């Protein structure tokens, strides 16, 4: 919701302004201005709602910053498709970060789940969990590559409306990744493994969270 609503607001305002303002009167410029303004307004409203619901100010500010940067980029270039340039760059950076984390044997999925379960880095002492998190992290790499495979051709073709639709539907690959992560990870766990909540040391003993 947070990621998709500003993009939908931008595309809607851009399309409406382009239809209302005659081409000879600068409809392209008007569309970009209205689109950027609508995206910023949507971002501010969402930030206010999230703060009211107790979300961390740093996370809310980061989300709003993304909208502001995207709006500034499109205002600078004047090309509506450039509103999604930050999204494309962040997906590419995320894919590289996940690949790097797997390469250095600190798979990001393990880092995230370990923190969520209060294990810190104890999961790395378990070779089976380390291997499982590495395998499952490739699922998330694939998700970002799929996004890029969709976004880049649309961006190059200047398909602004299609980009907005694709941006609004990015929750779908996230849901797929969440659903696939455990089955993929489980392929690395031997019979009798106590599971992700109880990392085993290299000696085979399970550690329990306090």
C-alpha atoms as a PDB file:
ATOM      1  CA  UNK A   1       0.000   0.000   0.000  1.00  0.00           C
ATOM      2  CA  UNK A   2       2.703   2.457   1.007  1.00  0.00           C
ATOM      3  CA  UNK A   3       4.684   1.784  -2.145  1.00  0.00           C
ATOM      4  CA  UNK A   4       1.814   1.580  -4.600  1.00  0.00           C
ATOM      5  CA  UNK A   5      -0.476   4.465  -3.637  1.00  0.00           C
ATOM      6  CA  UNK A   6       1.922   7.344  -4.476  1.00  0.00           C
ATOM      7  CA  UNK A   7       2.671   5.722  -7.842  1.00  0.00           C
ATOM      8  CA  UNK A   8      -1.041   5.340  -8.603  1.00  0.00           C
ATOM      9  CA  UNK A   9      -1.598   8.964  -7.550  1.00  0.00           C
ATOM     10  CA  UNK A  10       1.185  10.120  -9.861  1.00  0.00           C
ATOM     11  CA  UNK A  11      -0.077   8.185 -12.890  1.00  0.00           C
ATOM     12  CA  UNK A  12      -3.700   9.225 -12.317  1.00  0.00           C
ATOM     13  CA  UNK A  13      -2.907  12.931 -11.983  1.00  0.00           C
ATOM     14  CA  UNK A  14      -0.488  12.770 -14.920  1.00  0.00           C
ATOM     15  CA  UNK A  15      -3.087  11.126 -17.159  1.00  0.00           C
ATOM     16  CA  UNK A  16      -5.887  13.505 -16.132  1.00  0.00           C
ATOM     17  CA  UNK A  17      -3.734  16.589 -16.643  1.00  0.00           C
ATOM     18  CA  UNK A  18      -2.631  15.313 -20.035  1.00  0.00           C
ATOM     19  CA  UNK A  19      -6.248  14.826 -21.066  1.00  0.00           C
ATOM     20  CA  UNK A  20      -7.453  18.203 -19.781  1.00  0.00           C
ATOM     21  CA  UNK A  21      -4.643  20.508 -20.908  1.00  0.00           C
ATOM     22  CA  UNK A  22      -4.422  20.968 -24.710  1.00  0.00           C
ATOM     23  CA  UNK A  23      -1.180  19.594 -26.195  1.00  0.00           C
ATOM     24  CA  UNK A  24      -0.168  23.016 -27.511  1.00  0.00           C
ATOM     25  CA  UNK A  25      -0.392  24.447 -23.984  1.00  0.00           C
ATOM     26  CA  UNK A  26       2.198  22.131 -22.493  1.00  0.00           C
ATOM     27  CA  UNK A  27       0.202  19.110 -21.394  1.00  0.00           C
ATOM     28  CA  UNK A  28       3.389  17.104 -20.830  1.00  0.00           C
ATOM     29  CA  UNK A  29       4.763  19.661 -18.373  1.00  0.00           C
ATOM     30  CA  UNK A  30       1.403  20.033 -16.663  1.00  0.00           C
ATOM     31  CA  UNK A  31       1.061  16.271 -16.341  1.00  0.00           C
ATOM     32  CA  UNK A  32       4.455  15.937 -14.674  1.00  0.00           C
ATOM     33  CA  UNK A  33       3.736  18.807 -12.276  1.00  0.00           C
ATOM     34  CA  UNK A  34       0.324  17.496 -11.287  1.00  0.00           C
ATOM     35  CA  UNK A  35       1.609  13.958 -11.053  1.00  0.00           C
ATOM     36  CA  UNK A  36       4.522  14.889  -8.801  1.00  0.00           C
ATOM     37  CA  UNK A  37       2.247  16.983  -6.608  1.00  0.00           C
ATOM     38  CA  UNK A  38      -0.293  14.177  -6.286  1.00  0.00           C
ATOM     39  CA  UNK A  39       2.400  11.628  -5.415  1.00  0.00           C
ATOM     40  CA  UNK A  40       3.860  13.929  -2.767  1.00  0.00           C
ATOM     41  CA  UNK A  41       0.423  14.604  -1.277  1.00  0.00           C
ATOM     42  CA  UNK A  42      -0.315  10.885  -1.157  1.00  0.00           C
ATOM     43  CA  UNK A  43       3.045  10.240   0.492  1.00  0.00           C
ATOM     44  CA  UNK A  44       2.389  12.881   3.169  1.00  0.00           C
ATOM     45  CA  UNK A  45      -1.075  11.480   3.916  1.00  0.00           C
ATOM     46  CA  UNK A  46       0.292   7.945   4.184  1.00  0.00           C
ATOM     47  CA  UNK A  47       3.110   9.152   6.446  1.00  0.00           C
ATOM     48  CA  UNK A  48       0.578  10.834   8.734  1.00  0.00           C
ATOM     49  CA  UNK A  49      -1.543   7.680   8.897  1.00  0.00           C
ATOM     50  CA  UNK A  50       1.468   5.492   9.670  1.00  0.00           C
ATOM     51  CA  UNK A  51       2.697   7.843  12.395  1.00  0.00           C
ATOM     52  CA  UNK A  52      -0.785   7.914  13.936  1.00  0.00           C
ATOM     53  CA  UNK A  53      -0.749   4.119  14.036  1.00  0.00           C
ATOM     54  CA  UNK A  54       2.533   4.059  15.898  1.00  0.00           C
ATOM     55  CA  UNK A  55       4.965   3.265  13.115  1.00  0.00           C
ATOM     56  CA  UNK A  56       8.580   4.219  13.722  1.00  0.00           C
ATOM     57  CA  UNK A  57       9.286   7.782  12.548  1.00  0.00           C
ATOM     58  CA  UNK A  58      12.516   6.694  10.825  1.00  0.00           C
ATOM     59  CA  UNK A  59      10.704   4.115   8.683  1.00  0.00           C
ATOM     60  CA  UNK A  60       7.934   6.565   7.831  1.00  0.00           C
ATOM     61  CA  UNK A  61      10.451   9.266   6.910  1.00  0.00           C
ATOM     62  CA  UNK A  62      12.355   6.846   4.699  1.00  0.00           C
ATOM     63  CA  UNK A  63       9.190   5.934   2.801  1.00  0.00           C
ATOM     64  CA  UNK A  64       8.297   9.596   2.318  1.00  0.00           C
ATOM     65  CA  UNK A  65      11.857  10.362   1.225  1.00  0.00           C
ATOM     66  CA  UNK A  66      11.528   7.807  -1.575  1.00  0.00           C
ATOM     67  CA  UNK A  67       8.423   9.569  -2.871  1.00  0.00           C
ATOM     68  CA  UNK A  68      10.091  12.977  -2.648  1.00  0.00           C
ATOM     69  CA  UNK A  69      13.194  11.803  -4.527  1.00  0.00           C
ATOM     70  CA  UNK A  70      11.084  10.185  -7.263  1.00  0.00           C
ATOM     71  CA  UNK A  71       9.076  13.415  -7.613  1.00  0.00           C
ATOM     72  CA  UNK A  72      12.232  15.538  -7.790  1.00  0.00           C
ATOM     73  CA  UNK A  73      13.716  13.272 -10.455  1.00  0.00           C
ATOM     74  CA  UNK A  74      10.665  13.511 -12.687  1.00  0.00           C
ATOM     75  CA  UNK A  75      10.424  17.275 -12.172  1.00  0.00           C
ATOM     76  CA  UNK A  76      14.071  17.591 -13.188  1.00  0.00           C
ATOM     77  CA  UNK A  77      13.854  15.454 -16.311  1.00  0.00           C
ATOM     78  CA  UNK A  78      10.301  16.276 -17.347  1.00  0.00           C
ATOM     79  CA  UNK A  79       9.760  12.669 -18.464  1.00  0.00           C
ATOM     80  CA  UNK A  80       6.880  10.963 -16.668  1.00  0.00           C
ATOM     81  CA  UNK A  81       8.430   7.484 -16.825  1.00  0.00           C
ATOM     82  CA  UNK A  82      11.383   8.766 -14.799  1.00  0.00           C
ATOM     83  CA  UNK A  83       9.144   8.758 -11.715  1.00  0.00           C
ATOM     84  CA  UNK A  84       9.847   5.020 -11.635  1.00  0.00           C
ATOM     85  CA  UNK A  85      13.589   5.348 -12.165  1.00  0.00           C
ATOM     86  CA  UNK A  86      14.312   5.229  -8.427  1.00  0.00           C
ATOM     87  CA  UNK A  87      12.222   2.070  -8.134  1.00  0.00           C
ATOM     88  CA  UNK A  88      14.197   0.380 -10.916  1.00  0.00           C
ATOM     89  CA  UNK A  89      17.508   1.410  -9.375  1.00  0.00           C
ATOM     90  CA  UNK A  90      16.482   0.224  -5.902  1.00  0.00           C
ATOM     91  CA  UNK A  91      15.376  -3.162  -7.259  1.00  0.00           C
ATOM     92  CA  UNK A  92      18.706  -3.594  -9.029  1.00  0.00           C
ATOM     93  CA  UNK A  93      20.583  -2.600  -5.866  1.00  0.00           C
ATOM     94  CA  UNK A  94      18.463  -4.968  -3.770  1.00  0.00           C
ATOM     95  CA  UNK A  95      19.164  -7.884  -6.109  1.00  0.00           C
ATOM     96  CA  UNK A  96      22.907  -7.190  -5.892  1.00  0.00           C
ATOM     97  CA  UNK A  97      22.752  -6.871  -2.107  1.00  0.00           C
ATOM     98  CA  UNK A  98      20.990 -10.228  -1.731  1.00  0.00           C
ATOM     99  CA  UNK A  99      23.463 -11.928  -4.077  1.00  0.00           C
ATOM    100  CA  UNK A 100      26.383 -10.406  -2.182  1.00  0.00           C
ATOM    101  CA  UNK A 101      24.952 -11.535   1.154  1.00  0.00           C
ATOM    102  CA  UNK A 102      24.704 -15.116  -0.120  1.00  0.00           C
ATOM    103  CA  UNK A 103      28.231 -14.968  -1.518  1.00  0.00           C
ATOM    104  CA  UNK A 104      29.768 -13.857   1.793  1.00  0.00           C
ATOM    105  CA  UNK A 105      27.654 -16.433   3.683  1.00  0.00           C
ATOM    106  CA  UNK A 106      25.492 -13.858   5.426  1.00  0.00           C
ATOM    107  CA  UNK A 107      22.211 -14.476   3.534  1.00  0.00           C
ATOM    108  CA  UNK A 108      19.854 -11.591   4.197  1.00  0.00           C
ATOM    109  CA  UNK A 109      16.900 -13.860   4.846  1.00  0.00           C
ATOM    110  CA  UNK A 110      18.788 -15.375   7.758  1.00  0.00           C
ATOM    111  CA  UNK A 111      19.717 -11.933   9.064  1.00  0.00           C
ATOM    112  CA  UNK A 112      16.093 -10.769   8.927  1.00  0.00           C
ATOM    113  CA  UNK A 113      14.547 -13.910  10.414  1.00  0.00           C
ATOM    114  CA  UNK A 114      17.298 -14.199  13.031  1.00  0.00           C
ATOM    115  CA  UNK A 115      16.616 -10.665  14.237  1.00  0.00           C
ATOM    116  CA  UNK A 116      12.859 -11.264  14.212  1.00  0.00           C
ATOM    117  CA  UNK A 117      13.271 -14.400  16.356  1.00  0.00           C
ATOM    118  CA  UNK A 118      15.751 -12.761  18.713  1.00  0.00           C
ATOM    119  CA  UNK A 119      18.533 -15.138  17.699  1.00  0.00           C
ATOM    120  CA  UNK A 120      20.931 -12.442  16.514  1.00  0.00           C
ATOM    121  CA  UNK A 121      23.569 -14.455  14.616  1.00  0.00           C
ATOM    122  CA  UNK A 122      23.239 -17.846  16.335  1.00  0.00           C
ATOM    123  CA  UNK A 123      21.667 -19.302  13.198  1.00  0.00           C
ATOM    124  CA  UNK A 124      25.059 -19.037  11.465  1.00  0.00           C
ATOM    125  CA  UNK A 125      26.446 -21.653  13.861  1.00  0.00           C
ATOM    126  CA  UNK A 126      24.096 -24.184  12.277  1.00  0.00           C
ATOM    127  CA  UNK A 127      25.488 -25.286   8.871  1.00  0.00           C
ATOM    128  CA  UNK A 128      22.081 -26.627   7.803  1.00  0.00           C
ATOM    129  CA  UNK A 129      20.281 -23.365   8.604  1.00  0.00           C
ATOM    130  CA  UNK A 130      23.030 -21.373   6.912  1.00  0.00           C
ATOM    131  CA  UNK A 131      22.644 -23.493   3.779  1.00  0.00           C
ATOM    132  CA  UNK A 132      18.852 -23.273   3.959  1.00  0.00           C
ATOM    133  CA  UNK A 133      18.790 -19.500   4.333  1.00  0.00           C
ATOM    134  CA  UNK A 134      21.187 -19.223   1.408  1.00  0.00           C
ATOM    135  CA  UNK A 135      18.941 -21.324  -0.815  1.00  0.00           C
ATOM    136  CA  UNK A 136      15.816 -19.434   0.199  1.00  0.00           C
ATOM    137  CA  UNK A 137      17.536 -16.079  -0.330  1.00  0.00           C
ATOM    138  CA  UNK A 138      17.886 -16.955  -4.019  1.00  0.00           C
ATOM    139  CA  UNK A 139      14.075 -16.869  -4.172  1.00  0.00           C
ATOM    140  CA  UNK A 140      14.221 -13.215  -3.170  1.00  0.00           C
ATOM    141  CA  UNK A 141      16.937 -12.508  -5.720  1.00  0.00           C
ATOM    142  CA  UNK A 142      14.645 -13.985  -8.368  1.00  0.00           C
ATOM    143  CA  UNK A 143      11.834 -11.715  -7.208  1.00  0.00           C
ATOM    144  CA  UNK A 144      13.898  -8.597  -7.844  1.00  0.00           C
ATOM    145  CA  UNK A 145      15.040  -9.915 -11.221  1.00  0.00           C
ATOM    146  CA  UNK A 146      11.418 -10.526 -12.213  1.00  0.00           C
ATOM    147  CA  UNK A 147      10.566  -6.968 -11.227  1.00  0.00           C
ATOM    148  CA  UNK A 148      13.423  -5.642 -13.352  1.00  0.00           C
ATOM    149  CA  UNK A 149      12.346  -7.826 -16.273  1.00  0.00           C
ATOM    150  CA  UNK A 150       8.942  -6.135 -16.099  1.00  0.00           C
ATOM    151  CA  UNK A 151       9.934  -2.571 -15.252  1.00  0.00           C
ATOM    152  CA  UNK A 152      12.871  -2.027 -17.594  1.00  0.00           C
ATOM    153  CA  UNK A 153      11.058  -2.817 -20.897  1.00  0.00           C
ATOM    154  CA  UNK A 154       8.070  -0.700 -19.808  1.00  0.00           C
ATOM    155  CA  UNK A 155      10.396   2.143 -18.845  1.00  0.00           C
ATOM    156  CA  UNK A 156      12.260   1.990 -22.141  1.00  0.00           C
ATOM    157  CA  UNK A 157       8.932   1.985 -24.006  1.00  0.00           C
ATOM    158  CA  UNK A 158       7.724   4.985 -21.954  1.00  0.00           C
ATOM    159  CA  UNK A 159       4.624   3.084 -20.805  1.00  0.00           C
ATOM    160  CA  UNK A 160       3.731   5.240 -17.797  1.00  0.00           C
ATOM    161  CA  UNK A 161       0.308   3.749 -17.058  1.00  0.00           C
ATOM    162  CA  UNK A 162       1.641   0.207 -17.299  1.00  0.00           C
ATOM    163  CA  UNK A 163       4.496   1.144 -14.973  1.00  0.00           C
ATOM    164  CA  UNK A 164       1.990   2.448 -12.451  1.00  0.00           C
ATOM    165  CA  UNK A 165      -0.010  -0.768 -12.614  1.00  0.00           C
ATOM    166  CA  UNK A 166       3.119  -2.878 -12.258  1.00  0.00           C
ATOM    167  CA  UNK A 167       4.236  -0.768  -9.278  1.00  0.00           C
ATOM    168  CA  UNK A 168       0.890  -1.251  -7.570  1.00  0.00           C
ATOM    169  CA  UNK A 169       1.134  -5.026  -8.010  1.00  0.00           C
ATOM    170  CA  UNK A 170       4.620  -5.519  -6.581  1.00  0.00           C
ATOM    171  CA  UNK A 171       3.074  -7.026  -3.452  1.00  0.00           C
ATOM    172  CA  UNK A 172       2.322 -10.169  -5.472  1.00  0.00           C
ATOM    173  CA  UNK A 173       5.956 -11.326  -5.876  1.00  0.00           C
ATOM    174  CA  UNK A 174       6.528 -10.547  -2.192  1.00  0.00           C
ATOM    175  CA  UNK A 175       3.674 -12.856  -1.206  1.00  0.00           C
ATOM    176  CA  UNK A 176       5.050 -15.542  -3.534  1.00  0.00           C
ATOM    177  CA  UNK A 177       8.504 -15.224  -1.956  1.00  0.00           C
ATOM    178  CA  UNK A 178       7.098 -15.529   1.553  1.00  0.00           C
ATOM    179  CA  UNK A 179       5.155 -18.619   0.497  1.00  0.00           C
ATOM    180  CA  UNK A 180       8.169 -20.265  -1.183  1.00  0.00           C
ATOM    181  CA  UNK A 181      10.899 -19.372   1.290  1.00  0.00           C
ATOM    182  CA  UNK A 182      10.120 -22.072   3.854  1.00  0.00           C
ATOM    183  CA  UNK A 183       9.639 -24.961   1.355  1.00  0.00           C
ATOM    184  CA  UNK A 184      12.930 -24.047  -0.342  1.00  0.00           C
ATOM    185  CA  UNK A 185      14.725 -23.673   2.964  1.00  0.00           C
ATOM    186  CA  UNK A 186      13.382 -26.976   4.238  1.00  0.00           C
ATOM    187  CA  UNK A 187      15.189 -28.809   1.412  1.00  0.00           C
ATOM    188  CA  UNK A 188      18.462 -28.035   3.206  1.00  0.00           C
ATOM    189  CA  UNK A 189      17.354 -29.309   6.628  1.00  0.00           C
ATOM    190  CA  UNK A 190      18.040 -32.959   7.406  1.00  0.00           C
ATOM    191  CA  UNK A 191      15.544 -35.310   9.019  1.00  0.00           C
ATOM    192  CA  UNK A 192      15.133 -34.528  12.689  1.00  0.00           C
ATOM    193  CA  UNK A 193      16.326 -30.931  12.516  1.00  0.00           C
ATOM    194  CA  UNK A 194      14.552 -28.912  15.250  1.00  0.00           C
ATOM    195  CA  UNK A 195      13.702 -26.050  12.874  1.00  0.00           C
ATOM    196  CA  UNK A 196      14.531 -22.369  12.509  1.00  0.00           C
ATOM    197  CA  UNK A 197      13.683 -21.533  16.127  1.00  0.00           C
ATOM    198  CA  UNK A 198      16.359 -23.870  17.477  1.00  0.00           C
ATOM    199  CA  UNK A 199      19.693 -23.459  15.677  1.00  0.00           C
ATOM    200  CA  UNK A 200      22.093 -26.326  16.227  1.00  0.00           C
ATOM    201  CA  UNK A 201      25.761 -25.841  16.934  1.00  0.00           C
ATOM    202  CA  UNK A 202      28.327 -27.591  14.790  1.00  0.00           C
ATOM    203  CA  UNK A 203      28.451 -30.289  17.462  1.00  0.00           C
ATOM    204  CA  UNK A 204      24.787 -31.049  16.767  1.00  0.00           C
ATOM    205  CA  UNK A 205      23.283 -29.532  19.932  1.00  0.00           C
ATOM    206  CA  UNK A 206      20.244 -27.281  19.574  1.00  0.00           C
ATOM    207  CA  UNK A 207      20.377 -23.831  21.174  1.00  0.00           C
ATOM    208  CA  UNK A 208      17.202 -22.468  22.730  1.00  0.00           C
ATOM    209  CA  UNK A 209      16.143 -18.853  22.901  1.00  0.00           C
ATOM    210  CA  UNK A 210      15.741 -17.438  26.362  1.00  0.00           C
END
